[in-house]
């Protein structure tokens, strides 16, 4: 998700992470098919998931793949 600009909404495609890391993100609401709001994309990635904000380290965010949410 590191290639998206702030302010866009993406749809999570897949998590290319270790099973334990992927499971933890799913517990936080970052799941395949979910809409994710990109709030900040600099040294870390801040994303809006439902009514929560989740911060991902750049190293983790590089293994989370998404597509732009259809308008």
N, C-alpha and C. Protein backbone atom coordinates (compact mmCIF):
# COMPACT_ATOMS: atom_id res chain seq x y z
N UNK A 1 0.81 -1.20 0.00
CA UNK A 1 0.00 0.00 0.00
C UNK A 1 0.85 1.26 0.00
N UNK A 2 2.13 1.12 -0.06
CA UNK A 2 3.01 2.29 0.02
C UNK A 2 2.99 3.15 -1.24
N UNK A 3 2.38 2.68 -2.32
CA UNK A 3 2.39 3.45 -3.56
C UNK A 3 1.19 4.39 -3.70
N UNK A 4 0.29 4.40 -2.75
CA UNK A 4 -0.91 5.22 -2.85
C UNK A 4 -0.73 6.56 -2.15
N UNK A 5 -1.35 7.58 -2.70
CA UNK A 5 -1.29 8.92 -2.12
C UNK A 5 -2.27 9.05 -0.96
N UNK A 6 -2.04 10.02 -0.14
CA UNK A 6 -2.95 10.30 0.97
C UNK A 6 -4.31 10.72 0.42
N UNK A 7 -5.35 10.32 1.12
CA UNK A 7 -6.69 10.72 0.75
C UNK A 7 -7.44 9.74 -0.12
N UNK A 8 -6.78 8.71 -0.64
CA UNK A 8 -7.48 7.76 -1.49
C UNK A 8 -8.02 6.60 -0.65
N UNK A 9 -9.01 5.93 -1.21
CA UNK A 9 -9.57 4.73 -0.59
C UNK A 9 -9.20 3.55 -1.47
N UNK A 10 -8.62 2.53 -0.84
CA UNK A 10 -8.20 1.34 -1.58
C UNK A 10 -8.96 0.13 -1.04
N UNK A 11 -8.95 -0.92 -1.83
CA UNK A 11 -9.55 -2.18 -1.40
C UNK A 11 -8.41 -3.18 -1.24
N UNK A 12 -8.29 -3.76 -0.08
CA UNK A 12 -7.20 -4.67 0.21
C UNK A 12 -7.32 -5.92 -0.65
N UNK A 13 -6.24 -6.25 -1.35
CA UNK A 13 -6.23 -7.42 -2.24
C UNK A 13 -5.67 -8.65 -1.53
N UNK A 14 -4.45 -8.54 -1.00
CA UNK A 14 -3.88 -9.68 -0.27
C UNK A 14 -2.72 -9.24 0.61
N UNK A 15 -2.42 -10.08 1.59
CA UNK A 15 -1.34 -9.83 2.54
C UNK A 15 -0.21 -10.81 2.25
N UNK A 16 0.93 -10.31 1.83
CA UNK A 16 2.09 -11.16 1.56
C UNK A 16 3.02 -11.13 2.78
N UNK A 17 2.52 -11.64 3.88
CA UNK A 17 3.22 -11.61 5.16
C UNK A 17 3.27 -13.00 5.76
N UNK A 18 4.06 -13.15 6.81
CA UNK A 18 4.05 -14.40 7.55
C UNK A 18 2.65 -14.62 8.12
N UNK A 19 2.22 -15.86 8.27
CA UNK A 19 0.86 -16.12 8.76
C UNK A 19 0.52 -15.40 10.06
N UNK A 20 1.45 -15.35 11.00
CA UNK A 20 1.17 -14.67 12.28
C UNK A 20 0.98 -13.17 12.08
N UNK A 21 1.79 -12.56 11.22
CA UNK A 21 1.66 -11.13 10.94
C UNK A 21 0.33 -10.84 10.25
N UNK A 22 -0.02 -11.66 9.26
CA UNK A 22 -1.28 -11.48 8.54
C UNK A 22 -2.47 -11.65 9.49
N UNK A 23 -2.40 -12.62 10.37
CA UNK A 23 -3.48 -12.85 11.33
C UNK A 23 -3.66 -11.64 12.24
N UNK A 24 -2.57 -11.04 12.67
CA UNK A 24 -2.66 -9.87 13.55
C UNK A 24 -3.30 -8.69 12.82
N UNK A 25 -2.93 -8.46 11.56
CA UNK A 25 -3.56 -7.39 10.80
C UNK A 25 -5.05 -7.64 10.62
N UNK A 26 -5.42 -8.89 10.37
CA UNK A 26 -6.85 -9.21 10.23
C UNK A 26 -7.59 -8.94 11.53
N UNK A 27 -6.96 -9.21 12.67
CA UNK A 27 -7.58 -8.90 13.97
C UNK A 27 -7.83 -7.40 14.12
N UNK A 28 -6.96 -6.60 13.51
CA UNK A 28 -7.09 -5.15 13.58
C UNK A 28 -8.07 -4.60 12.53
N UNK A 29 -8.63 -5.47 11.70
CA UNK A 29 -9.61 -5.04 10.70
C UNK A 29 -9.05 -4.89 9.30
N UNK A 30 -7.75 -5.14 9.14
CA UNK A 30 -7.14 -5.03 7.81
C UNK A 30 -7.26 -6.40 7.15
N UNK A 31 -8.37 -6.57 6.40
CA UNK A 31 -8.70 -7.86 5.79
C UNK A 31 -8.87 -7.72 4.29
N UNK A 32 -8.67 -8.82 3.59
CA UNK A 32 -8.89 -8.85 2.15
C UNK A 32 -10.31 -8.39 1.83
N UNK A 33 -10.43 -7.51 0.87
CA UNK A 33 -11.73 -7.00 0.45
C UNK A 33 -12.21 -5.78 1.21
N UNK A 34 -11.53 -5.42 2.28
CA UNK A 34 -11.95 -4.28 3.10
C UNK A 34 -11.52 -2.95 2.48
N UNK A 35 -12.36 -1.93 2.60
CA UNK A 35 -11.93 -0.59 2.17
C UNK A 35 -10.99 0.01 3.21
N UNK A 36 -9.89 0.58 2.76
CA UNK A 36 -8.89 1.17 3.63
C UNK A 36 -8.66 2.61 3.16
N UNK A 37 -8.74 3.56 4.06
CA UNK A 37 -8.48 4.96 3.75
C UNK A 37 -7.01 5.26 4.03
N UNK A 38 -6.29 5.75 3.04
CA UNK A 38 -4.89 6.12 3.24
C UNK A 38 -4.86 7.54 3.80
N UNK A 39 -4.45 7.67 5.05
CA UNK A 39 -4.45 8.97 5.73
C UNK A 39 -3.07 9.62 5.73
N UNK A 40 -2.04 8.82 5.80
CA UNK A 40 -0.66 9.33 5.78
C UNK A 40 0.23 8.25 5.21
N UNK A 41 1.13 8.65 4.33
CA UNK A 41 2.05 7.70 3.72
C UNK A 41 3.42 8.36 3.62
N UNK A 42 4.18 8.21 4.69
CA UNK A 42 5.51 8.83 4.72
C UNK A 42 6.47 7.79 5.30
N UNK A 43 7.01 8.03 6.48
CA UNK A 43 7.88 7.04 7.11
C UNK A 43 7.10 5.82 7.58
N UNK A 44 5.85 6.04 7.90
CA UNK A 44 4.93 4.96 8.25
C UNK A 44 3.62 5.21 7.50
N UNK A 45 2.78 4.22 7.48
CA UNK A 45 1.50 4.33 6.79
C UNK A 45 0.39 4.38 7.82
N UNK A 46 -0.38 5.45 7.80
CA UNK A 46 -1.54 5.56 8.68
C UNK A 46 -2.77 5.33 7.82
N UNK A 47 -3.57 4.34 8.21
CA UNK A 47 -4.76 4.06 7.42
C UNK A 47 -5.99 4.02 8.32
N UNK A 48 -7.10 4.41 7.73
CA UNK A 48 -8.37 4.37 8.42
C UNK A 48 -9.09 3.07 8.09
N UNK A 49 -9.45 2.35 9.13
CA UNK A 49 -10.15 1.08 8.98
C UNK A 49 -11.40 1.18 9.84
N UNK A 50 -12.56 1.20 9.20
CA UNK A 50 -13.81 1.45 9.91
C UNK A 50 -13.66 2.75 10.70
N UNK A 51 -13.87 2.73 12.01
CA UNK A 51 -13.76 3.94 12.82
C UNK A 51 -12.40 4.05 13.51
N UNK A 52 -11.45 3.18 13.14
CA UNK A 52 -10.14 3.15 13.79
C UNK A 52 -9.05 3.67 12.86
N UNK A 53 -7.93 3.99 13.47
CA UNK A 53 -6.72 4.36 12.74
C UNK A 53 -5.67 3.32 13.08
N UNK A 54 -4.99 2.80 12.05
CA UNK A 54 -3.95 1.80 12.24
C UNK A 54 -2.68 2.33 11.60
N UNK A 55 -1.57 2.22 12.31
CA UNK A 55 -0.28 2.65 11.80
C UNK A 55 0.55 1.40 11.47
N UNK A 56 1.06 1.37 10.24
CA UNK A 56 1.91 0.25 9.82
C UNK A 56 3.31 0.77 9.53
N UNK A 57 4.30 0.02 9.97
CA UNK A 57 5.68 0.35 9.58
C UNK A 57 5.79 0.19 8.07
N UNK A 58 6.65 0.97 7.47
CA UNK A 58 6.85 0.93 6.02
C UNK A 58 7.21 -0.49 5.56
N UNK A 59 8.02 -1.20 6.35
CA UNK A 59 8.44 -2.56 6.00
C UNK A 59 7.26 -3.53 5.94
N UNK A 60 6.27 -3.31 6.76
CA UNK A 60 5.07 -4.16 6.74
C UNK A 60 4.15 -3.71 5.60
N UNK A 61 3.95 -2.41 5.48
CA UNK A 61 3.03 -1.89 4.45
C UNK A 61 3.46 -2.27 3.04
N UNK A 62 4.76 -2.48 2.82
CA UNK A 62 5.25 -2.88 1.50
C UNK A 62 4.79 -4.28 1.11
N UNK A 63 4.30 -5.05 2.07
CA UNK A 63 3.84 -6.41 1.80
C UNK A 63 2.32 -6.54 1.87
N UNK A 64 1.65 -5.39 1.90
CA UNK A 64 0.19 -5.35 1.90
C UNK A 64 -0.23 -4.77 0.55
N UNK A 65 -0.97 -5.53 -0.22
CA UNK A 65 -1.29 -5.14 -1.59
C UNK A 65 -2.77 -4.80 -1.72
N UNK A 66 -3.02 -3.71 -2.45
CA UNK A 66 -4.39 -3.21 -2.59
C UNK A 66 -4.58 -2.63 -3.98
N UNK A 67 -5.84 -2.40 -4.32
CA UNK A 67 -6.21 -1.74 -5.57
C UNK A 67 -7.10 -0.55 -5.22
N UNK A 68 -7.14 0.43 -6.12
CA UNK A 68 -8.00 1.58 -5.87
C UNK A 68 -9.45 1.13 -5.76
N UNK A 69 -10.15 1.71 -4.81
CA UNK A 69 -11.57 1.41 -4.61
C UNK A 69 -12.35 1.99 -5.79
N UNK A 70 -13.21 1.21 -6.41
CA UNK A 70 -14.02 1.76 -7.51
C UNK A 70 -14.88 2.93 -7.02
N UNK A 71 -14.98 3.95 -7.84
CA UNK A 71 -15.74 5.16 -7.46
C UNK A 71 -17.22 4.95 -7.48
